[in-house]
Amino acid sequence: NHSHSSTMDLVLVGLMVGVWGSFMAYGWVLEDIKSTAWGDQGERFKDTDFLILAQSIGNTVVAATLLLALKDGPVLTRLTAGVPQSRWLLTSLAYLGAHKAGIGALDYITYPVQVLVKCCKPIPVLLGEVVIAKEKHPPSKWLSVCLLVVGVVIFVTNKPSKKSADSSVIFEWNAASGYGLFLVLLALICDGVYGPMQNKIKQEFTGLSAHNNMLSMNLIQGIFSLVQVGMADGVPSVSIRGFSDVMAFCQRNPAIVPMIGYMVLTMIAGNLFIYELQSRYGSLSVTTTTTLRKLCSILFSVVYFNHAMAQSQWLGVLVVVFASPVSKFLLPDKKEASKKAQ
């Protein structure tokens, strides 16, 4: 029993480190792709739709492979779990909107700011569940939402009094940063739409696994992205650039090609680690792991990209990142407490 417990502990630590490593690497690669002035012309890669398409293809292929390898039965049933793909259309469109706005925001704000504001995902999800699914939530969740708002306000209303010559201020108010925050808020609204819709599909189709969900969402998101990028090809008047423009950029700046590959691989690895962590140890382990992952991602980005931050901004980061566990500690859910007592 002791050796089994030790093995389980080692597996848990391994999965947690896998989540941290994968998503820290993903954040680093994504920020590098978006913030680097590529080549002699100092071009910025702003082709968010192409990045989403690349991620969608990678996630779709991996999810389909796992479903075909691990499940029995007819191929279509293994892939869809009996859910008509039409049921995923609106959910996947909101999923695409969340990624398009969230990744696109990196053209205007730094990655740590995007991560910090994205930590506020529980706000629109909670509101969406109240409005769409008519769910009721314990006081701890409402306290968590209040702490998230307070933390973000502390962060965005402060800035370092001075910075070194080779560092960049992590956030300062201007038109560009304001638009970047607007895009992240738009991404959060999309999260608040697709989260409850996704949960309703899961409740209706009990045989649906995380890999079925991953396949359907990314397949339809990929089709939308493919259409957008394909239709934009050769049309200079639209904001989305087509395949020929992306390929030309990659030919001028070949160093970006492996970076896009790393971005896809780290995203896939992170998703697989989270799925395994969820299936083996439950949602509490996932929540704890992802909470620390966000803090580690912010720390790594600040150090690696040399962003200047004020001490008060660090306070805001801590309030946001630990809002959920602190709220649960201060206002424990009576239902969960009674379940543990039983």
Protein backbone atom coordinates (compact mmCIF):
# COMPACT_ATOMS: atom_id res chain seq x y z
CA ASN A 1 0.00 0.00 0.00
CA HIS A 2 2.84 2.36 0.87
CA SER A 3 4.64 1.67 -2.43
CA HIS A 4 1.35 2.15 -4.35
CA SER A 5 0.76 5.46 -2.55
CA SER A 6 4.30 6.58 -3.35
CA THR A 7 3.82 5.68 -7.01
CA MET A 8 0.54 7.63 -7.12
CA ASP A 9 2.27 10.63 -5.54
CA LEU A 10 5.06 10.46 -8.14
CA VAL A 11 2.52 10.26 -10.97
CA LEU A 12 0.64 13.27 -9.54
CA VAL A 13 3.85 15.31 -9.29
CA GLY A 14 4.82 14.25 -12.82
CA LEU A 15 1.48 15.32 -14.27
CA MET A 16 1.55 18.64 -12.41
CA VAL A 17 5.08 19.37 -13.65
CA GLY A 18 3.93 18.35 -17.15
CA VAL A 19 1.07 20.90 -17.03
CA TRP A 20 3.36 23.64 -15.71
CA GLY A 21 6.12 22.93 -18.20
CA SER A 22 3.83 22.58 -21.22
CA PHE A 23 1.84 25.75 -20.68
CA MET A 24 4.84 27.82 -19.57
CA ALA A 25 6.56 26.77 -22.80
CA TYR A 26 3.36 27.51 -24.76
CA GLY A 27 3.17 31.00 -23.25
CA TRP A 28 6.83 31.68 -23.98
CA VAL A 29 6.53 30.53 -27.62
CA LEU A 30 3.29 32.42 -28.22
CA GLU A 31 4.64 35.65 -26.71
CA ASP A 32 7.84 35.25 -28.73
CA ILE A 33 5.89 34.74 -31.97
CA LYS A 34 3.69 37.76 -31.32
CA SER A 35 6.20 40.21 -29.82
CA THR A 36 9.30 39.55 -31.95
CA ALA A 37 10.24 42.01 -34.69
CA TRP A 38 11.02 39.39 -37.35
CA GLY A 39 13.75 39.80 -39.96
CA ASP A 40 15.52 42.86 -41.28
CA GLN A 41 12.19 44.65 -41.80
CA GLY A 42 11.15 44.13 -38.17
CA GLU A 43 7.80 42.59 -39.15
CA ARG A 44 5.25 41.53 -36.53
CA PHE A 45 3.36 38.27 -37.04
CA LYS A 46 -0.29 39.24 -36.58
CA ASP A 47 -1.87 36.24 -38.28
CA THR A 48 -3.94 35.07 -35.32
CA ASP A 49 -6.36 33.06 -37.48
CA PHE A 50 -3.51 31.00 -38.91
CA LEU A 51 -2.21 30.23 -35.41
CA ILE A 52 -5.71 29.11 -34.36
CA LEU A 53 -5.94 26.93 -37.49
CA ALA A 54 -2.58 25.31 -36.68
CA GLN A 55 -3.66 24.62 -33.08
CA SER A 56 -7.01 23.24 -34.24
CA ILE A 57 -5.41 20.81 -36.69
CA GLY A 58 -2.97 19.54 -34.05
CA ASN A 59 -5.63 19.07 -31.36
CA THR A 60 -8.07 17.44 -33.82
CA VAL A 61 -5.52 14.90 -35.07
CA VAL A 62 -4.39 13.95 -31.56
CA ALA A 63 -7.94 13.68 -30.17
CA ALA A 64 -9.11 11.56 -33.12
CA THR A 65 -6.08 9.28 -32.83
CA LEU A 66 -6.66 8.69 -29.11
CA LEU A 67 -10.40 8.04 -29.57
CA LEU A 68 -9.77 5.50 -32.34
CA ALA A 69 -7.00 3.80 -30.35
CA LEU A 70 -8.67 3.69 -26.92
CA LYS A 71 -12.39 3.18 -27.68
CA ASP A 72 -14.33 0.29 -29.18
CA GLY A 73 -17.28 0.35 -31.55
CA PRO A 74 -18.14 1.98 -34.89
CA VAL A 75 -15.69 4.68 -35.97
CA LEU A 76 -18.28 7.48 -36.06
CA THR A 77 -19.58 6.60 -32.59
CA ARG A 78 -16.05 6.56 -31.18
CA LEU A 79 -15.35 9.98 -32.63
CA THR A 80 -18.63 11.75 -31.85
CA ALA A 81 -20.09 9.75 -28.91
CA GLY A 82 -23.42 10.04 -30.69
CA VAL A 83 -23.55 13.85 -30.54
CA PRO A 84 -24.71 15.47 -33.83
CA GLN A 85 -21.95 17.83 -34.95
CA SER A 86 -24.58 20.51 -35.56
CA ARG A 87 -24.93 20.73 -31.76
CA TRP A 88 -21.36 22.01 -31.57
CA LEU A 89 -21.72 24.83 -34.13
CA LEU A 90 -22.60 27.75 -31.83
CA THR A 91 -20.39 26.41 -29.04
CA SER A 92 -17.40 26.12 -31.39
CA LEU A 93 -18.07 29.57 -32.84
CA ALA A 94 -17.86 31.06 -29.33
CA TYR A 95 -14.75 28.90 -28.72
CA LEU A 96 -13.19 30.38 -31.86
CA GLY A 97 -14.13 33.88 -30.70
CA ALA A 98 -12.41 33.28 -27.35
CA HIS A 99 -9.18 32.21 -29.06
CA LYS A 100 -9.32 34.85 -31.79
CA ALA A 101 -9.79 37.70 -29.30
CA GLY A 102 -7.46 36.23 -26.64
CA ILE A 103 -4.50 35.57 -28.95
CA GLY A 104 -5.18 38.71 -31.00
CA ALA A 105 -4.91 40.78 -27.80
CA LEU A 106 -1.17 39.94 -27.71
CA ASP A 107 -0.68 42.39 -30.57
CA TYR A 108 -1.53 45.16 -28.07
CA ILE A 109 -0.69 43.93 -24.54
CA THR A 110 1.93 41.67 -22.98
CA TYR A 111 1.33 37.98 -22.30
CA PRO A 112 1.34 38.34 -18.46
CA VAL A 113 -1.45 40.94 -18.69
CA GLN A 114 -3.44 38.64 -20.98
CA VAL A 115 -2.99 35.71 -18.55
CA LEU A 116 -3.95 37.87 -15.59
CA VAL A 117 -7.16 39.15 -17.16
CA LYS A 118 -7.96 35.66 -18.51
CA CYS A 119 -7.82 34.47 -14.89
CA CYS A 120 -11.15 36.30 -14.61
CA LYS A 121 -12.77 33.60 -16.77
CA PRO A 122 -14.95 32.48 -13.79
CA ILE A 123 -16.79 35.84 -13.94
CA PRO A 124 -18.48 35.43 -17.36
CA VAL A 125 -18.77 31.65 -16.88
CA LEU A 126 -20.58 32.15 -13.56
CA LEU A 127 -22.86 34.80 -15.04
CA GLY A 128 -23.46 32.60 -18.07
CA GLU A 129 -24.41 29.65 -15.87
CA VAL A 130 -26.81 31.86 -13.90
CA VAL A 131 -28.43 33.33 -17.04
CA ILE A 132 -28.24 30.40 -19.51
CA ALA A 133 -28.32 27.31 -17.27
CA LYS A 134 -30.24 28.90 -14.33
CA GLU A 135 -27.69 27.50 -11.88
CA LYS A 136 -27.24 28.70 -8.31
CA HIS A 137 -23.78 29.25 -6.84
CA PRO A 138 -22.44 29.31 -3.27
CA PRO A 139 -21.20 32.57 -1.63
CA SER A 140 -17.56 31.48 -2.11
CA LYS A 141 -17.89 31.80 -5.90
CA TRP A 142 -19.33 35.31 -5.64
CA LEU A 143 -16.51 36.29 -3.24
CA SER A 144 -14.00 34.86 -5.73
CA VAL A 145 -15.50 37.03 -8.49
CA CYS A 146 -15.20 40.14 -6.30
CA LEU A 147 -11.54 39.34 -5.52
CA LEU A 148 -10.81 38.86 -9.22
CA VAL A 149 -12.21 42.30 -10.01
CA VAL A 150 -10.25 43.90 -7.13
CA GLY A 151 -7.00 42.21 -8.21
CA VAL A 152 -7.29 43.33 -11.83
CA VAL A 153 -8.14 46.90 -10.76
CA ILE A 154 -5.05 46.99 -8.50
CA PHE A 155 -2.90 45.74 -11.38
CA VAL A 156 -4.07 48.05 -14.16
CA THR A 157 -4.19 51.20 -12.03
CA ASN A 158 -0.54 50.94 -10.95
CA LYS A 159 2.76 51.02 -12.79
CA PRO A 160 6.44 51.01 -11.76
CA SER A 161 7.87 54.40 -10.82
CA LYS A 162 11.03 53.65 -12.79
CA LYS A 163 12.40 50.98 -15.07
CA SER A 164 15.83 49.99 -16.36
CA ALA A 165 16.91 51.00 -19.86
CA ASP A 166 16.56 47.44 -21.23
CA SER A 167 13.20 46.63 -19.63
CA SER A 168 9.66 47.33 -20.79
CA VAL A 169 6.71 48.40 -18.64
CA ILE A 170 4.36 45.44 -18.37
CA PHE A 171 1.25 47.62 -18.73
CA GLU A 172 0.42 51.28 -19.18
CA TRP A 173 -2.81 52.91 -20.24
CA ASN A 174 -3.03 54.05 -23.86
CA ALA A 175 -5.26 53.43 -26.87
CA ALA A 176 -3.45 50.23 -27.85
CA SER A 177 -3.49 48.66 -24.37
CA GLY A 178 -7.12 49.69 -23.94
CA TYR A 179 -8.02 47.87 -27.17
CA GLY A 180 -5.99 44.86 -26.01
CA LEU A 181 -7.96 44.73 -22.76
CA PHE A 182 -11.18 45.03 -24.74
CA LEU A 183 -10.18 41.98 -26.81
CA VAL A 184 -9.42 39.95 -23.66
CA LEU A 185 -12.79 40.97 -22.20
CA LEU A 186 -14.41 39.89 -25.47
CA ALA A 187 -12.59 36.55 -25.14
CA LEU A 188 -13.97 36.21 -21.60
CA ILE A 189 -17.51 36.89 -22.83
CA CYS A 190 -17.04 34.11 -25.41
CA ASP A 191 -15.81 31.86 -22.56
CA GLY A 192 -18.98 32.69 -20.68
CA VAL A 193 -21.04 31.62 -23.69
CA TYR A 194 -19.33 28.38 -24.74
CA GLY A 195 -18.64 27.10 -21.20
CA PRO A 196 -22.30 26.65 -20.14
CA MET A 197 -23.30 25.51 -23.66
CA GLN A 198 -20.58 22.88 -23.53
CA ASN A 199 -21.78 21.73 -20.10
CA LYS A 200 -25.36 21.36 -21.38
CA ILE A 201 -24.16 19.06 -24.19
CA LYS A 202 -22.15 17.00 -21.67
CA GLN A 203 -25.21 16.63 -19.44
CA GLU A 204 -27.40 15.53 -22.35
CA PHE A 205 -24.90 13.01 -23.77
CA THR A 206 -23.42 11.11 -20.83
CA GLY A 207 -21.03 9.04 -22.96
CA LEU A 208 -19.14 12.16 -24.07
CA SER A 209 -15.47 12.12 -23.03
CA ALA A 210 -12.96 14.98 -22.84
CA HIS A 211 -11.36 13.70 -26.07
CA ASN A 212 -14.73 13.75 -27.88
CA ASN A 213 -15.17 17.31 -26.69
CA MET A 214 -11.62 18.23 -27.75
CA LEU A 215 -12.16 16.69 -31.22
CA SER A 216 -15.52 18.30 -32.02
CA MET A 217 -14.66 21.77 -30.72
CA ASN A 218 -11.31 21.91 -32.53
CA LEU A 219 -12.60 20.31 -35.74
CA ILE A 220 -15.37 22.89 -36.19
CA GLN A 221 -13.13 25.74 -34.98
CA GLY A 222 -10.53 24.60 -37.52
CA ILE A 223 -13.10 24.60 -40.34
CA PHE A 224 -14.18 28.15 -39.45
CA SER A 225 -10.53 29.29 -39.35
CA LEU A 226 -9.74 27.52 -42.61
CA VAL A 227 -12.62 29.28 -44.34
CA GLN A 228 -11.57 32.66 -42.94
CA VAL A 229 -7.92 32.31 -43.96
CA GLY A 230 -8.84 30.77 -47.32
CA MET A 231 -11.35 33.48 -48.23
CA ALA A 232 -8.88 36.21 -47.29
CA ASP A 233 -6.28 34.91 -49.74
CA GLY A 234 -5.46 37.61 -52.28
CA VAL A 235 -7.91 40.11 -50.76
CA PRO A 236 -5.79 42.96 -49.31
CA SER A 237 -8.71 44.90 -47.87
CA VAL A 238 -9.58 42.45 -45.05
CA SER A 239 -7.88 42.29 -41.63
CA ILE A 240 -7.30 38.53 -41.94
CA ARG A 241 -4.35 37.56 -44.15
CA GLY A 242 -4.61 34.53 -46.43
CA PHE A 243 -2.36 31.49 -46.92
CA SER A 244 -0.20 33.16 -49.57
CA ASP A 245 0.56 36.09 -47.22
CA VAL A 246 1.41 33.74 -44.33
CA MET A 247 3.62 31.57 -46.55
CA ALA A 248 5.39 34.67 -47.86
CA PHE A 249 6.00 35.84 -44.29
CA CYS A 250 7.43 32.42 -43.37
CA GLN A 251 9.69 32.46 -46.44
CA ARG A 252 11.03 35.87 -45.45
CA ASN A 253 11.39 34.78 -41.81
CA PRO A 254 11.97 30.98 -41.76
CA ALA A 255 12.86 31.04 -38.04
CA ILE A 256 9.17 31.44 -37.20
CA VAL A 257 8.20 28.07 -38.72
CA PRO A 258 9.60 25.85 -35.93
CA MET A 259 8.20 28.29 -33.35
CA ILE A 260 4.67 27.70 -34.70
CA GLY A 261 5.36 23.96 -34.51
CA TYR A 262 6.50 24.29 -30.88
CA MET A 263 3.36 26.29 -30.08
CA VAL A 264 1.12 23.50 -31.40
CA LEU A 265 3.08 20.72 -29.65
CA THR A 266 3.15 22.46 -26.27
CA MET A 267 -0.60 23.20 -26.46
CA ILE A 268 -1.34 19.53 -27.27
CA ALA A 269 0.96 18.30 -24.48
CA GLY A 270 -0.66 20.65 -21.95
CA ASN A 271 -4.17 19.49 -22.90
CA LEU A 272 -3.19 15.82 -22.59
CA PHE A 273 -1.54 16.35 -19.18
CA ILE A 274 -4.64 18.18 -17.91
CA TYR A 275 -6.94 15.42 -19.22
CA GLU A 276 -4.88 12.72 -17.47
CA LEU A 277 -4.71 14.78 -14.27
CA GLN A 278 -8.49 15.27 -14.33
CA SER A 279 -9.23 11.59 -14.96
CA ARG A 280 -6.82 10.30 -12.29
CA TYR A 281 -7.06 12.88 -9.49
CA GLY A 282 -10.17 15.01 -10.08
CA SER A 283 -11.00 18.67 -10.58
CA LEU A 284 -9.39 19.93 -7.34
CA SER A 285 -5.94 18.80 -8.48
CA VAL A 286 -6.53 20.42 -11.87
CA THR A 287 -7.64 23.71 -10.27
CA THR A 288 -4.62 23.80 -7.94
CA THR A 289 -2.23 22.95 -10.76
CA THR A 290 -3.60 25.49 -13.23
CA THR A 291 -3.68 28.20 -10.54
CA LEU A 292 0.03 27.77 -9.88
CA ARG A 293 0.67 27.42 -13.61
CA LYS A 294 -0.74 30.89 -14.25
CA LEU A 295 1.48 32.39 -11.56
CA CYS A 296 4.53 30.55 -12.96
CA SER A 297 3.70 31.71 -16.51
CA ILE A 298 3.52 35.33 -15.38
CA LEU A 299 6.77 35.03 -13.39
CA PHE A 300 8.60 33.37 -16.28
CA SER A 301 7.43 35.96 -18.82
CA VAL A 302 8.35 38.88 -16.55
CA VAL A 303 11.87 37.48 -16.05
CA TYR A 304 12.52 36.20 -19.60
CA PHE A 305 11.09 39.20 -21.49
CA ASN A 306 12.30 41.68 -18.84
CA HIS A 307 8.96 43.34 -18.07
CA ALA A 308 9.06 46.00 -15.34
CA MET A 309 6.40 45.63 -12.61
CA ALA A 310 5.53 47.61 -9.49
CA GLN A 311 5.19 45.86 -6.11
CA SER A 312 1.52 46.84 -5.98
CA GLN A 313 1.03 45.10 -9.34
CA TRP A 314 2.46 41.89 -7.85
CA LEU A 315 -0.16 42.25 -5.10
CA GLY A 316 -2.85 42.44 -7.79
CA VAL A 317 -1.43 39.31 -9.47
CA LEU A 318 -1.53 37.34 -6.19
CA VAL A 319 -5.10 38.47 -5.42
CA VAL A 320 -6.27 37.33 -8.88
CA VAL A 321 -4.38 34.03 -9.00
CA PHE A 322 -5.39 32.91 -5.50
CA ALA A 323 -8.93 34.36 -5.49
CA SER A 324 -10.60 30.94 -5.83
CA PRO A 325 -8.71 28.98 -3.11
CA VAL A 326 -8.88 31.90 -0.67
CA SER A 327 -12.64 32.25 -1.24
CA LYS A 328 -13.20 28.53 -0.65
CA PHE A 329 -11.13 28.71 2.54
CA LEU A 330 -13.00 31.74 3.90
CA LEU A 331 -16.49 30.59 2.80
CA PRO A 332 -16.47 26.78 2.52
CA ASP A 333 -19.36 25.28 0.57
CA LYS A 334 -21.73 23.55 3.02
CA LYS A 335 -22.70 20.88 0.49
CA GLU A 336 -19.07 19.92 -0.18
CA ALA A 337 -18.30 19.94 3.55
CA SER A 338 -21.22 17.58 4.26
CA LYS A 339 -20.09 15.24 1.47
CA LYS A 340 -16.58 15.08 2.95
CA ALA A 341 -18.05 14.43 6.43
CA GLN A 342 -20.01 11.48 5.04
